[in-house]
Amino acid sequence: MSEDSTEAKWRSMPTNTRRARERASTRERIIEAALHVLETDGVAALTIRRIASDIEYSAPVVYQHFANKDALVLELVAHGHRLMLAEFRRATEEPGIDRRMMRIASEYVRFAGEHPHLYEVMNGAVVDADERRRAAEPAIAVLKDLLATWSDAHDVVLADSDEACEIIWGTLYGMASLGRLGTVGTERARRLAEQALRTILLGWRNALPEDG
């Protein structure tokens, strides 16, 4: 489509539609700029004034979309969890439930290593714990579904599936934290995460029933 026809199509849109698209485009630019600042300079450098300057807007324009820095950081947390969810969904395409579980472990730690500042705000005290949990729920739901499939495939009865999921999630968080140490690094942490998850799953498969 030529530039002239694109412009003509744009001008032919109803005013409300055009304004909505312009607003959505501006919001997307703000989020992209904020993500760039966060990933390169950390959360301390993330200010409304800095974002406005980077995209050559005035600060009031940014405030039209985000009431304050906290609202912007919360959106970045949600964005980070959407990225992680996409990785988890790709992991579910692996053949065999055991390979899917290992892929989840590996991708979680890889994500943390590739997006250290984003991962930090996704899990740190900058955002309220309940808000972080809500943002993480879709990714956690994928893990719960995989765990249910795994338990069915291996005829394992988990006394509390939510607790089992939290054990895995906490283990992966711990391995991702280890990966930030220079003596460990992301690649080794990915292998450790797979090994830790394999050990947990083996333990559940071999667990003896509790005495009544």
N, C-alpha and C. Protein backbone atom coordinates (compact mmCIF):
# COMPACT_ATOMS: atom_id res chain seq x y z
N MET A 1 0.85 -1.19 0.00
CA MET A 1 0.00 0.00 0.00
C MET A 1 0.88 1.24 0.00
N SER A 2 0.58 2.22 -0.88
CA SER A 2 1.40 3.42 -0.98
C SER A 2 1.19 4.31 0.23
N GLU A 3 2.15 5.26 0.40
CA GLU A 3 2.05 6.19 1.52
C GLU A 3 0.81 7.06 1.40
N ASP A 4 0.48 7.47 0.15
CA ASP A 4 -0.70 8.31 -0.05
C ASP A 4 -1.98 7.58 0.30
N SER A 5 -2.07 6.29 -0.12
CA SER A 5 -3.28 5.53 0.18
C SER A 5 -3.41 5.23 1.66
N THR A 6 -2.26 5.04 2.33
CA THR A 6 -2.28 4.82 3.77
C THR A 6 -2.79 6.05 4.49
N GLU A 7 -2.30 7.21 4.06
CA GLU A 7 -2.74 8.46 4.68
C GLU A 7 -4.22 8.70 4.41
N ALA A 8 -4.65 8.38 3.19
CA ALA A 8 -6.06 8.57 2.85
C ALA A 8 -6.95 7.67 3.71
N LYS A 9 -6.50 6.44 3.90
CA LYS A 9 -7.26 5.50 4.73
C LYS A 9 -7.33 6.01 6.17
N TRP A 10 -6.20 6.57 6.65
CA TRP A 10 -6.15 7.10 8.01
C TRP A 10 -7.13 8.25 8.18
N ARG A 11 -7.15 9.16 7.18
CA ARG A 11 -8.02 10.32 7.26
C ARG A 11 -9.50 9.94 7.13
N SER A 12 -9.76 8.82 6.46
CA SER A 12 -11.15 8.40 6.27
C SER A 12 -11.75 7.74 7.50
N MET A 13 -10.91 7.43 8.47
CA MET A 13 -11.42 6.79 9.68
C MET A 13 -12.30 7.77 10.46
N PRO A 14 -13.31 7.25 11.16
CA PRO A 14 -14.08 8.11 12.06
C PRO A 14 -13.14 8.76 13.08
N THR A 15 -13.46 9.97 13.49
CA THR A 15 -12.59 10.72 14.40
C THR A 15 -12.32 9.94 15.69
N ASN A 16 -13.34 9.33 16.25
CA ASN A 16 -13.17 8.59 17.50
C ASN A 16 -12.21 7.41 17.33
N THR A 17 -12.32 6.73 16.19
CA THR A 17 -11.43 5.59 15.92
C THR A 17 -10.00 6.06 15.77
N ARG A 18 -9.83 7.15 15.04
CA ARG A 18 -8.48 7.68 14.83
C ARG A 18 -7.85 8.12 16.14
N ARG A 19 -8.63 8.80 16.96
CA ARG A 19 -8.11 9.25 18.25
C ARG A 19 -7.75 8.08 19.16
N ALA A 20 -8.58 7.04 19.13
CA ALA A 20 -8.30 5.86 19.95
C ALA A 20 -7.01 5.20 19.52
N ARG A 21 -6.79 5.13 18.21
CA ARG A 21 -5.56 4.52 17.71
C ARG A 21 -4.34 5.38 18.03
N GLU A 22 -4.50 6.68 17.92
CA GLU A 22 -3.41 7.58 18.27
C GLU A 22 -3.05 7.44 19.75
N ARG A 23 -4.08 7.35 20.58
CA ARG A 23 -3.84 7.20 22.02
C ARG A 23 -3.14 5.88 22.32
N ALA A 24 -3.59 4.81 21.67
CA ALA A 24 -2.97 3.49 21.87
C ALA A 24 -1.53 3.51 21.40
N SER A 25 -1.27 4.18 20.28
CA SER A 25 0.10 4.26 19.76
C SER A 25 1.00 5.03 20.71
N THR A 26 0.49 6.13 21.25
CA THR A 26 1.27 6.92 22.21
C THR A 26 1.58 6.10 23.46
N ARG A 27 0.60 5.39 23.95
CA ARG A 27 0.79 4.57 25.15
C ARG A 27 1.86 3.50 24.89
N GLU A 28 1.80 2.91 23.69
CA GLU A 28 2.78 1.88 23.36
C GLU A 28 4.19 2.47 23.31
N ARG A 29 4.32 3.66 22.76
CA ARG A 29 5.63 4.32 22.70
C ARG A 29 6.16 4.60 24.11
N ILE A 30 5.27 5.01 25.00
CA ILE A 30 5.68 5.28 26.39
C ILE A 30 6.18 4.00 27.05
N ILE A 31 5.44 2.91 26.87
CA ILE A 31 5.83 1.64 27.47
C ILE A 31 7.17 1.16 26.91
N GLU A 32 7.34 1.26 25.61
CA GLU A 32 8.61 0.84 24.99
C GLU A 32 9.78 1.67 25.51
N ALA A 33 9.58 2.98 25.63
CA ALA A 33 10.64 3.84 26.15
C ALA A 33 10.95 3.52 27.60
N ALA A 34 9.90 3.29 28.40
CA ALA A 34 10.10 2.95 29.81
C ALA A 34 10.83 1.63 29.95
N LEU A 35 10.48 0.67 29.11
CA LEU A 35 11.14 -0.63 29.16
C LEU A 35 12.61 -0.48 28.81
N HIS A 36 12.91 0.35 27.82
CA HIS A 36 14.31 0.57 27.43
C HIS A 36 15.10 1.19 28.57
N VAL A 37 14.53 2.20 29.22
CA VAL A 37 15.22 2.83 30.36
C VAL A 37 15.43 1.82 31.48
N LEU A 38 14.40 1.05 31.78
CA LEU A 38 14.50 0.07 32.85
C LEU A 38 15.58 -0.96 32.57
N GLU A 39 15.58 -1.49 31.35
CA GLU A 39 16.52 -2.57 31.00
C GLU A 39 17.96 -2.07 30.93
N THR A 40 18.15 -0.81 30.57
CA THR A 40 19.52 -0.30 30.42
C THR A 40 20.05 0.37 31.68
N ASP A 41 19.19 1.07 32.42
CA ASP A 41 19.67 1.87 33.55
C ASP A 41 19.05 1.50 34.89
N GLY A 42 18.08 0.62 34.91
CA GLY A 42 17.49 0.22 36.18
C GLY A 42 16.31 1.10 36.58
N VAL A 43 15.58 0.63 37.59
CA VAL A 43 14.34 1.28 37.99
C VAL A 43 14.58 2.68 38.55
N ALA A 44 15.74 2.93 39.15
CA ALA A 44 16.01 4.25 39.72
C ALA A 44 16.01 5.33 38.65
N ALA A 45 16.38 4.97 37.42
CA ALA A 45 16.44 5.95 36.33
C ALA A 45 15.08 6.18 35.68
N LEU A 46 14.10 5.40 36.07
CA LEU A 46 12.79 5.45 35.43
C LEU A 46 11.95 6.57 36.04
N THR A 47 11.86 7.68 35.34
CA THR A 47 11.05 8.81 35.79
C THR A 47 10.16 9.27 34.64
N ILE A 48 9.07 9.93 34.97
CA ILE A 48 8.17 10.45 33.95
C ILE A 48 8.90 11.46 33.07
N ARG A 49 9.70 12.31 33.70
CA ARG A 49 10.45 13.32 32.94
C ARG A 49 11.42 12.66 31.96
N ARG A 50 12.09 11.59 32.40
CA ARG A 50 13.05 10.91 31.52
C ARG A 50 12.32 10.28 30.33
N ILE A 51 11.19 9.64 30.58
CA ILE A 51 10.43 9.00 29.51
C ILE A 51 9.94 10.04 28.51
N ALA A 52 9.40 11.14 29.03
CA ALA A 52 8.90 12.20 28.15
C ALA A 52 10.02 12.74 27.27
N SER A 53 11.19 12.93 27.85
CA SER A 53 12.33 13.44 27.09
C SER A 53 12.76 12.45 26.01
N ASP A 54 12.79 11.18 26.35
CA ASP A 54 13.26 10.16 25.40
C ASP A 54 12.37 10.04 24.17
N ILE A 55 11.06 10.25 24.34
CA ILE A 55 10.15 10.12 23.20
C ILE A 55 9.70 11.49 22.67
N GLU A 56 10.35 12.54 23.21
CA GLU A 56 10.12 13.91 22.75
C GLU A 56 8.65 14.33 22.90
N TYR A 57 8.09 13.96 24.05
CA TYR A 57 6.77 14.42 24.43
C TYR A 57 6.92 15.29 25.67
N SER A 58 5.87 15.99 26.00
CA SER A 58 5.87 16.73 27.26
C SER A 58 5.44 15.78 28.37
N ALA A 59 5.86 16.07 29.60
CA ALA A 59 5.49 15.22 30.73
C ALA A 59 3.97 15.09 30.88
N PRO A 60 3.19 16.17 30.68
CA PRO A 60 1.73 16.01 30.80
C PRO A 60 1.14 14.97 29.86
N VAL A 61 1.75 14.77 28.68
CA VAL A 61 1.26 13.75 27.76
C VAL A 61 1.43 12.37 28.38
N VAL A 62 2.57 12.14 29.02
CA VAL A 62 2.81 10.85 29.68
C VAL A 62 1.83 10.67 30.84
N TYR A 63 1.57 11.76 31.58
CA TYR A 63 0.66 11.68 32.71
C TYR A 63 -0.78 11.40 32.26
N GLN A 64 -1.10 11.68 31.02
CA GLN A 64 -2.43 11.35 30.51
C GLN A 64 -2.64 9.83 30.45
N HIS A 65 -1.53 9.10 30.36
CA HIS A 65 -1.61 7.64 30.23
C HIS A 65 -1.26 6.93 31.54
N PHE A 66 -0.38 7.53 32.33
CA PHE A 66 0.04 6.92 33.60
C PHE A 66 0.06 8.00 34.67
N ALA A 67 -0.69 7.77 35.73
CA ALA A 67 -0.85 8.80 36.77
C ALA A 67 0.46 9.15 37.45
N ASN A 68 1.36 8.18 37.55
CA ASN A 68 2.63 8.40 38.22
C ASN A 68 3.60 7.28 37.86
N LYS A 69 4.79 7.33 38.42
CA LYS A 69 5.80 6.31 38.14
C LYS A 69 5.33 4.94 38.59
N ASP A 70 4.64 4.87 39.72
CA ASP A 70 4.18 3.57 40.22
C ASP A 70 3.25 2.89 39.21
N ALA A 71 2.37 3.66 38.59
CA ALA A 71 1.45 3.10 37.59
C ALA A 71 2.22 2.60 36.37
N LEU A 72 3.28 3.32 36.01
CA LEU A 72 4.10 2.91 34.86
C LEU A 72 4.87 1.63 35.18
N VAL A 73 5.43 1.56 36.38
CA VAL A 73 6.15 0.35 36.78
C VAL A 73 5.22 -0.85 36.84
N LEU A 74 4.00 -0.64 37.32
CA LEU A 74 3.03 -1.74 37.38
C LEU A 74 2.73 -2.26 35.98
N GLU A 75 2.64 -1.36 35.00
CA GLU A 75 2.42 -1.79 33.62
C GLU A 75 3.61 -2.59 33.10
N LEU A 76 4.82 -2.19 33.49
CA LEU A 76 6.01 -2.94 33.07
C LEU A 76 6.04 -4.33 33.70
N VAL A 77 5.58 -4.43 34.94
CA VAL A 77 5.48 -5.74 35.59
C VAL A 77 4.52 -6.63 34.82
N ALA A 78 3.37 -6.07 34.45
CA ALA A 78 2.40 -6.84 33.67
C ALA A 78 2.99 -7.23 32.32
N HIS A 79 3.72 -6.31 31.69
CA HIS A 79 4.36 -6.59 30.41
C HIS A 79 5.37 -7.73 30.54
N GLY A 80 6.17 -7.68 31.61
CA GLY A 80 7.15 -8.74 31.84
C GLY A 80 6.51 -10.10 32.00
N HIS A 81 5.41 -10.15 32.71
CA HIS A 81 4.73 -11.44 32.90
C HIS A 81 4.08 -11.92 31.61
N ARG A 82 3.67 -10.99 30.76
CA ARG A 82 3.14 -11.41 29.46
C ARG A 82 4.25 -12.03 28.61
N LEU A 83 5.44 -11.46 28.68
CA LEU A 83 6.58 -12.03 27.96
C LEU A 83 6.90 -13.43 28.49
N MET A 84 6.91 -13.57 29.81
CA MET A 84 7.19 -14.87 30.40
C MET A 84 6.10 -15.87 30.04
N LEU A 85 4.86 -15.43 30.03
CA LEU A 85 3.75 -16.31 29.66
C LEU A 85 3.94 -16.84 28.23
N ALA A 86 4.39 -15.96 27.34
CA ALA A 86 4.62 -16.40 25.96
C ALA A 86 5.69 -17.48 25.90
N GLU A 87 6.73 -17.36 26.71
CA GLU A 87 7.78 -18.37 26.77
C GLU A 87 7.22 -19.69 27.32
N PHE A 88 6.40 -19.59 28.34
CA PHE A 88 5.80 -20.79 28.94
C PHE A 88 4.91 -21.50 27.93
N ARG A 89 4.15 -20.73 27.17
CA ARG A 89 3.25 -21.35 26.19
C ARG A 89 4.04 -22.07 25.10
N ARG A 90 5.18 -21.49 24.72
CA ARG A 90 6.03 -22.18 23.74
C ARG A 90 6.57 -23.47 24.34
N ALA A 91 6.85 -23.44 25.63
CA ALA A 91 7.36 -24.65 26.30
C ALA A 91 6.34 -25.77 26.27
N THR A 92 5.05 -25.42 26.28
CA THR A 92 4.01 -26.46 26.28
C THR A 92 3.92 -27.18 24.95
N GLU A 93 4.62 -26.68 23.94
CA GLU A 93 4.61 -27.34 22.63
C GLU A 93 5.64 -28.46 22.54
N GLU A 94 6.49 -28.61 23.56
CA GLU A 94 7.48 -29.69 23.57
C GLU A 94 6.78 -31.05 23.60
N PRO A 95 7.31 -32.04 22.89
CA PRO A 95 6.72 -33.39 22.96
C PRO A 95 7.07 -34.05 24.29
N GLY A 96 6.08 -34.53 25.00
CA GLY A 96 6.33 -35.22 26.26
C GLY A 96 6.27 -34.28 27.45
N ILE A 97 5.49 -34.66 28.44
CA ILE A 97 5.28 -33.79 29.59
C ILE A 97 6.55 -33.56 30.39
N ASP A 98 7.44 -34.53 30.48
CA ASP A 98 8.68 -34.33 31.24
C ASP A 98 9.56 -33.28 30.57
N ARG A 99 9.62 -33.31 29.25
CA ARG A 99 10.40 -32.30 28.53
C ARG A 99 9.78 -30.92 28.67
N ARG A 100 8.46 -30.87 28.72
CA ARG A 100 7.79 -29.58 28.92
C ARG A 100 8.13 -28.99 30.28
N MET A 101 8.15 -29.83 31.29
CA MET A 101 8.48 -29.35 32.64
C MET A 101 9.91 -28.83 32.69
N MET A 102 10.84 -29.54 32.06
CA MET A 102 12.23 -29.09 32.05
C MET A 102 12.39 -27.79 31.27
N ARG A 103 11.62 -27.68 30.19
CA ARG A 103 11.69 -26.46 29.38
C ARG A 103 11.18 -25.25 30.18
N ILE A 104 10.14 -25.46 30.96
CA ILE A 104 9.62 -24.38 31.81
C ILE A 104 10.72 -23.90 32.76
N ALA A 105 11.40 -24.84 33.39
CA ALA A 105 12.46 -24.49 34.34
C ALA A 105 13.56 -23.70 33.64
N SER A 106 13.97 -24.18 32.50
CA SER A 106 15.04 -23.53 31.76
C SER A 106 14.65 -22.14 31.29
N GLU A 107 13.44 -22.00 30.76
CA GLU A 107 13.01 -20.72 30.21
C GLU A 107 12.80 -19.68 31.30
N TYR A 108 12.34 -20.11 32.46
CA TYR A 108 12.16 -19.17 33.57
C TYR A 108 13.49 -18.53 33.92
N VAL A 109 14.51 -19.35 34.09
CA VAL A 109 15.83 -18.82 34.49
C VAL A 109 16.46 -18.02 33.36
N ARG A 110 16.27 -18.46 32.12
CA ARG A 110 16.80 -17.71 30.98
C ARG A 110 16.19 -16.32 30.93
N PHE A 111 14.87 -16.24 31.11
CA PHE A 111 14.18 -14.96 31.10
C PHE A 111 14.76 -14.02 32.15
N ALA A 112 14.96 -14.54 33.35
CA ALA A 112 15.51 -13.72 34.44
C ALA A 112 16.90 -13.21 34.08
N GLY A 113 17.69 -14.05 33.42
CA GLY A 113 19.04 -13.64 33.05
C GLY A 113 19.08 -12.63 31.93
N GLU A 114 18.15 -12.73 30.99
CA GLU A 114 18.11 -11.82 29.85
C GLU A 114 17.45 -10.49 30.17
N HIS A 115 16.60 -10.46 31.18
CA HIS A 115 15.89 -9.23 31.56
C HIS A 115 16.07 -8.96 33.06
N PRO A 116 17.29 -8.73 33.51
CA PRO A 116 17.53 -8.64 34.96
C PRO A 116 16.76 -7.53 35.66
N HIS A 117 16.73 -6.34 35.08
CA HIS A 117 16.03 -5.23 35.74
C HIS A 117 14.52 -5.41 35.69
N LEU A 118 14.03 -5.89 34.57
CA LEU A 118 12.59 -6.16 34.46
C LEU A 118 12.20 -7.26 35.44
N TYR A 119 12.99 -8.32 35.50
CA TYR A 119 12.70 -9.43 36.42
C TYR A 119 12.73 -8.94 37.87
N GLU A 120 13.63 -8.01 38.15
CA GLU A 120 13.73 -7.50 39.52
C GLU A 120 12.45 -6.79 39.94
N VAL A 121 11.90 -5.94 39.07
CA VAL A 121 10.67 -5.24 39.46
C VAL A 121 9.47 -6.19 39.44
N MET A 122 9.54 -7.25 38.63
CA MET A 122 8.47 -8.24 38.61
C MET A 122 8.39 -9.00 39.93
N ASN A 123 9.49 -9.02 40.67
CA ASN A 123 9.55 -9.82 41.90
C ASN A 123 9.96 -9.03 43.14
N GLY A 124 10.24 -7.75 42.98
CA GLY A 124 10.72 -6.95 44.10
C GLY A 124 9.62 -6.19 44.80
N ALA A 125 10.02 -5.42 45.82
CA ALA A 125 9.06 -4.70 46.66
C ALA A 125 8.61 -3.38 46.06
N VAL A 126 9.11 -3.04 44.86
CA VAL A 126 8.69 -1.79 44.23
C VAL A 126 7.19 -1.80 43.98
N VAL A 127 6.65 -2.98 43.65
CA VAL A 127 5.22 -3.14 43.38
C VAL A 127 4.61 -4.00 44.49
N ASP A 128 3.40 -3.65 44.89
CA ASP A 128 2.68 -4.38 45.93
C ASP A 128 2.62 -5.88 45.62
N ALA A 129 2.79 -6.70 46.66
CA ALA A 129 2.85 -8.16 46.48
C ALA A 129 1.58 -8.71 45.83
N ASP A 130 0.42 -8.19 46.21
CA ASP A 130 -0.83 -8.68 45.62
C ASP A 130 -0.91 -8.33 44.14
N GLU A 131 -0.43 -7.15 43.78
CA GLU A 131 -0.41 -6.75 42.37
C GLU A 131 0.53 -7.64 41.58
N ARG A 132 1.69 -7.95 42.15
CA ARG A 132 2.64 -8.83 41.47
C ARG A 132 2.03 -10.22 41.27
N ARG A 133 1.33 -10.69 42.27
CA ARG A 133 0.72 -12.01 42.18
C ARG A 133 -0.34 -12.05 41.08
N ARG A 134 -1.15 -10.99 41.01
CA ARG A 134 -2.18 -10.94 39.97
C ARG A 134 -1.56 -10.95 38.58
N ALA A 135 -0.46 -10.22 38.42
CA ALA A 135 0.21 -10.16 37.12
C ALA A 135 0.81 -11.51 36.75
N ALA A 136 1.25 -12.27 37.76
CA ALA A 136 1.90 -13.56 37.51
C ALA A 136 0.91 -14.70 37.31
N GLU A 137 -0.34 -14.50 37.66
CA GLU A 137 -1.32 -15.60 37.67
C GLU A 137 -1.42 -16.36 36.33
N PRO A 138 -1.48 -15.68 35.17
CA PRO A 138 -1.59 -16.45 33.92
C PRO A 138 -0.42 -17.40 33.70
N ALA A 139 0.80 -16.96 34.01
CA ALA A 139 1.96 -17.84 33.86
C ALA A 139 1.91 -18.98 34.88
N ILE A 140 1.49 -18.66 36.10
CA ILE A 140 1.37 -19.69 37.12
C ILE A 140 0.31 -20.71 36.71
N ALA A 141 -0.76 -20.24 36.07
CA ALA A 141 -1.82 -21.15 35.62
C ALA A 141 -1.29 -22.15 34.60
N VAL A 142 -0.38 -21.71 33.72
CA VAL A 142 0.22 -22.63 32.76
C VAL A 142 1.01 -23.70 33.49
N LEU A 143 1.78 -23.29 34.51
CA LEU A 143 2.56 -24.25 35.29
C LEU A 143 1.64 -25.23 36.01
N LYS A 144 0.53 -24.75 36.55
CA LYS A 144 -0.42 -25.63 37.23
C LYS A 144 -0.99 -26.66 36.28
N ASP A 145 -1.33 -26.22 35.07
CA ASP A 145 -1.87 -27.15 34.08
C ASP A 145 -0.84 -28.22 33.71
N LEU A 146 0.40 -27.80 33.52
CA LEU A 146 1.46 -28.76 33.21
C LEU A 146 1.67 -29.74 34.35
N LEU A 147 1.62 -29.22 35.57
CA LEU A 147 1.81 -30.09 36.74
C LEU A 147 0.68 -31.10 36.84
N ALA A 148 -0.54 -30.69 36.53
CA ALA A 148 -1.68 -31.61 36.54
C ALA A 148 -1.50 -32.69 35.48
N THR A 149 -1.03 -32.28 34.30
CA THR A 149 -0.78 -33.26 33.23
C THR A 149 0.33 -34.22 33.64
N TRP A 150 1.36 -33.69 34.26
CA TRP A 150 2.49 -34.53 34.71
C TRP A 150 2.00 -35.54 35.75
N SER A 151 1.23 -35.10 36.73
CA SER A 151 0.77 -36.01 37.79
C SER A 151 -0.13 -37.10 37.23
N ASP A 152 -0.97 -36.76 36.24
CA ASP A 152 -1.81 -37.77 35.60
C ASP A 152 -0.97 -38.78 34.81
N ALA A 153 0.04 -38.25 34.09
CA ALA A 153 0.87 -39.12 33.26
C ALA A 153 1.66 -40.13 34.09
N HIS A 154 2.04 -39.74 35.31
CA HIS A 154 2.87 -40.60 36.15
C HIS A 154 2.09 -41.21 37.32
N ASP A 155 0.76 -41.03 37.29
CA ASP A 155 -0.10 -41.59 38.33
C ASP A 155 0.35 -41.15 39.72
N VAL A 156 0.62 -39.87 39.84
CA VAL A 156 1.04 -39.29 41.12
C VAL A 156 -0.10 -38.46 41.69
N VAL A 157 -0.44 -38.71 42.94
CA VAL A 157 -1.47 -37.93 43.61
C VAL A 157 -0.79 -36.87 44.46
N LEU A 158 -1.00 -35.60 44.10
CA LEU A 158 -0.43 -34.50 44.87
C LEU A 158 -1.46 -34.06 45.91
N ALA A 159 -1.05 -34.07 47.16
CA ALA A 159 -1.98 -33.72 48.24
C ALA A 159 -2.53 -32.31 48.07
N ASP A 160 -1.72 -31.40 47.60
CA ASP A 160 -2.13 -30.01 47.43
C ASP A 160 -1.46 -29.47 46.18
N SER A 161 -2.19 -29.39 45.09
CA SER A 161 -1.59 -28.98 43.83
C SER A 161 -1.11 -27.53 43.85
N ASP A 162 -1.83 -26.66 44.58
CA ASP A 162 -1.40 -25.26 44.68
C ASP A 162 -0.07 -25.17 45.42
N GLU A 163 0.05 -25.95 46.48
CA GLU A 163 1.30 -25.95 47.24
C GLU A 163 2.44 -26.52 46.40
N ALA A 164 2.15 -27.56 45.64
CA ALA A 164 3.17 -28.16 44.77
C ALA A 164 3.66 -27.14 43.74
N CYS A 165 2.73 -26.37 43.19
CA CYS A 165 3.08 -25.35 42.21
C CYS A 165 3.95 -24.27 42.86
N GLU A 166 3.62 -23.88 44.08
CA GLU A 166 4.41 -22.86 44.78
C GLU A 166 5.82 -23.37 45.09
N ILE A 167 5.94 -24.66 45.37
CA ILE A 167 7.27 -25.24 45.60
C ILE A 167 8.13 -25.10 44.34
N ILE A 168 7.53 -25.42 43.20
CA ILE A 168 8.27 -25.32 41.94
C ILE A 168 8.59 -23.87 41.63
N TRP A 169 7.59 -23.00 41.75
CA TRP A 169 7.80 -21.58 41.44
C TRP A 169 8.91 -20.98 42.32
N GLY A 170 8.87 -21.32 43.61
CA GLY A 170 9.88 -20.81 44.53
C GLY A 170 11.26 -21.36 44.21
N THR A 171 11.33 -22.61 43.80
CA THR A 171 12.61 -23.21 43.42
C THR A 171 13.19 -22.50 42.20
N LEU A 172 12.37 -22.24 41.21
CA LEU A 172 12.85 -21.57 40.01
C LEU A 172 13.28 -20.14 40.32
N TYR A 173 12.55 -19.49 41.22
CA TYR A 173 12.95 -18.14 41.64
C TYR A 173 14.33 -18.17 42.31
N GLY A 174 14.54 -19.17 43.15
CA GLY A 174 15.83 -19.30 43.82
C GLY A 174 16.96 -19.55 42.85
N MET A 175 16.73 -20.40 41.86
CA MET A 175 17.76 -20.69 40.87
C MET A 175 18.05 -19.47 40.00
N ALA A 176 16.99 -18.72 39.67
CA ALA A 176 17.19 -17.49 38.91
C ALA A 176 18.01 -16.49 39.70
N SER A 177 17.80 -16.44 41.01
CA SER A 177 18.59 -15.55 41.87
C SER A 177 20.05 -15.97 41.90
N LEU A 178 20.29 -17.27 41.95
CA LEU A 178 21.66 -17.78 41.89
C LEU A 178 22.34 -17.38 40.57
N GLY A 179 21.55 -17.38 39.52
CA GLY A 179 22.09 -17.06 38.21
C GLY A 179 22.65 -15.66 38.11
N ARG A 180 22.24 -14.78 39.02
CA ARG A 180 22.73 -13.41 39.00
C ARG A 180 24.09 -13.28 39.65
N LEU A 181 24.54 -14.35 40.30
CA LEU A 181 25.87 -14.34 40.89
C LEU A 181 26.91 -14.62 39.81
N GLY A 182 27.99 -13.87 39.85
CA GLY A 182 29.03 -14.06 38.85
C GLY A 182 29.64 -15.44 38.88
N THR A 183 29.63 -16.08 40.04
CA THR A 183 30.21 -17.42 40.15
C THR A 183 29.30 -18.51 39.59
N VAL A 184 28.05 -18.15 39.29
CA VAL A 184 27.10 -19.14 38.77
C VAL A 184 26.74 -18.82 37.32
N GLY A 185 26.10 -17.69 37.10
CA GLY A 185 25.72 -17.31 35.75
C GLY A 185 24.44 -17.97 35.29
N THR A 186 23.86 -17.41 34.24
CA THR A 186 22.55 -17.87 33.77
C THR A 186 22.57 -19.31 33.26
N GLU A 187 23.56 -19.65 32.44
CA GLU A 187 23.56 -20.98 31.83
C GLU A 187 23.67 -22.08 32.88
N ARG A 188 24.55 -21.89 33.84
CA ARG A 188 24.67 -22.90 34.90
C ARG A 188 23.40 -22.94 35.74
N ALA A 189 22.82 -21.76 35.99
CA ALA A 189 21.58 -21.71 36.77
C ALA A 189 20.45 -22.43 36.05
N ARG A 190 20.43 -22.37 34.72
CA ARG A 190 19.42 -23.11 33.96
C ARG A 190 19.58 -24.61 34.16
N ARG A 191 20.80 -25.07 34.12
CA ARG A 191 21.04 -26.51 34.34
C ARG A 191 20.66 -26.91 35.77
N LEU A 192 21.00 -26.06 36.72
CA LEU A 192 20.66 -26.34 38.12
C LEU A 192 19.15 -26.35 38.32
N ALA A 193 18.45 -25.45 37.63
CA ALA A 193 16.99 -25.40 37.75
C ALA A 193 16.37 -26.69 37.23
N GLU A 194 16.86 -27.18 36.10
CA GLU A 194 16.36 -28.44 35.56
C GLU A 194 16.65 -29.59 36.52
N GLN A 195 17.86 -29.58 37.06
CA GLN A 195 18.23 -30.65 37.99
C GLN A 195 17.38 -30.61 39.24
N ALA A 196 17.15 -29.40 39.76
CA ALA A 196 16.34 -29.25 40.97
C ALA A 196 14.90 -29.70 40.72
N LEU A 197 14.35 -29.29 39.58
CA LEU A 197 12.97 -29.68 39.26
C LEU A 197 12.88 -31.19 39.05
N ARG A 198 13.86 -31.76 38.39
CA ARG A 198 13.87 -33.22 38.16
C ARG A 198 13.90 -33.95 39.51
N THR A 199 14.67 -33.45 40.45
CA THR A 199 14.76 -34.06 41.78
C THR A 199 13.44 -33.97 42.52
N ILE A 200 12.78 -32.80 42.44
CA ILE A 200 11.49 -32.62 43.10
C ILE A 200 10.46 -33.58 42.53
N LEU A 201 10.39 -33.64 41.21
CA LEU A 201 9.40 -34.51 40.57
C LEU A 201 9.66 -35.98 40.88
N LEU A 202 10.93 -36.37 40.90
CA LEU A 202 11.28 -37.75 41.24
C LEU A 202 10.88 -38.05 42.67
N GLY A 203 11.08 -37.09 43.55
CA GLY A 203 10.68 -37.28 44.94
C GLY A 203 9.19 -37.49 45.08
N TRP A 204 8.40 -36.73 44.32
CA TRP A 204 6.95 -36.90 44.38
C TRP A 204 6.53 -38.25 43.81
N ARG A 205 7.23 -38.70 42.79
CA ARG A 205 6.88 -40.00 42.20
C ARG A 205 7.19 -41.16 43.15
N ASN A 206 8.23 -40.99 43.95
CA ASN A 206 8.66 -42.07 44.85
C ASN A 206 8.16 -41.92 46.26
N ALA A 207 7.38 -40.87 46.50
CA ALA A 207 6.93 -40.62 47.88
C ALA A 207 6.03 -41.74 48.37
N LEU A 208 6.24 -42.15 49.61
CA LEU A 208 5.39 -43.15 50.24
C LEU A 208 4.14 -42.49 50.76
N PRO A 209 2.99 -43.15 50.76
CA PRO A 209 1.77 -42.55 51.31
C PRO A 209 1.94 -42.29 52.79
N GLU A 210 1.36 -41.17 53.25
CA GLU A 210 1.46 -40.81 54.66
C GLU A 210 0.62 -41.78 55.49
N ASP A 211 1.10 -42.00 56.72
CA ASP A 211 0.34 -42.85 57.64
C ASP A 211 -0.97 -42.18 57.99
N GLY A 212 -2.00 -42.97 58.08
CA GLY A 212 -3.30 -42.43 58.42
C GLY A 212 -3.39 -41.97 59.86
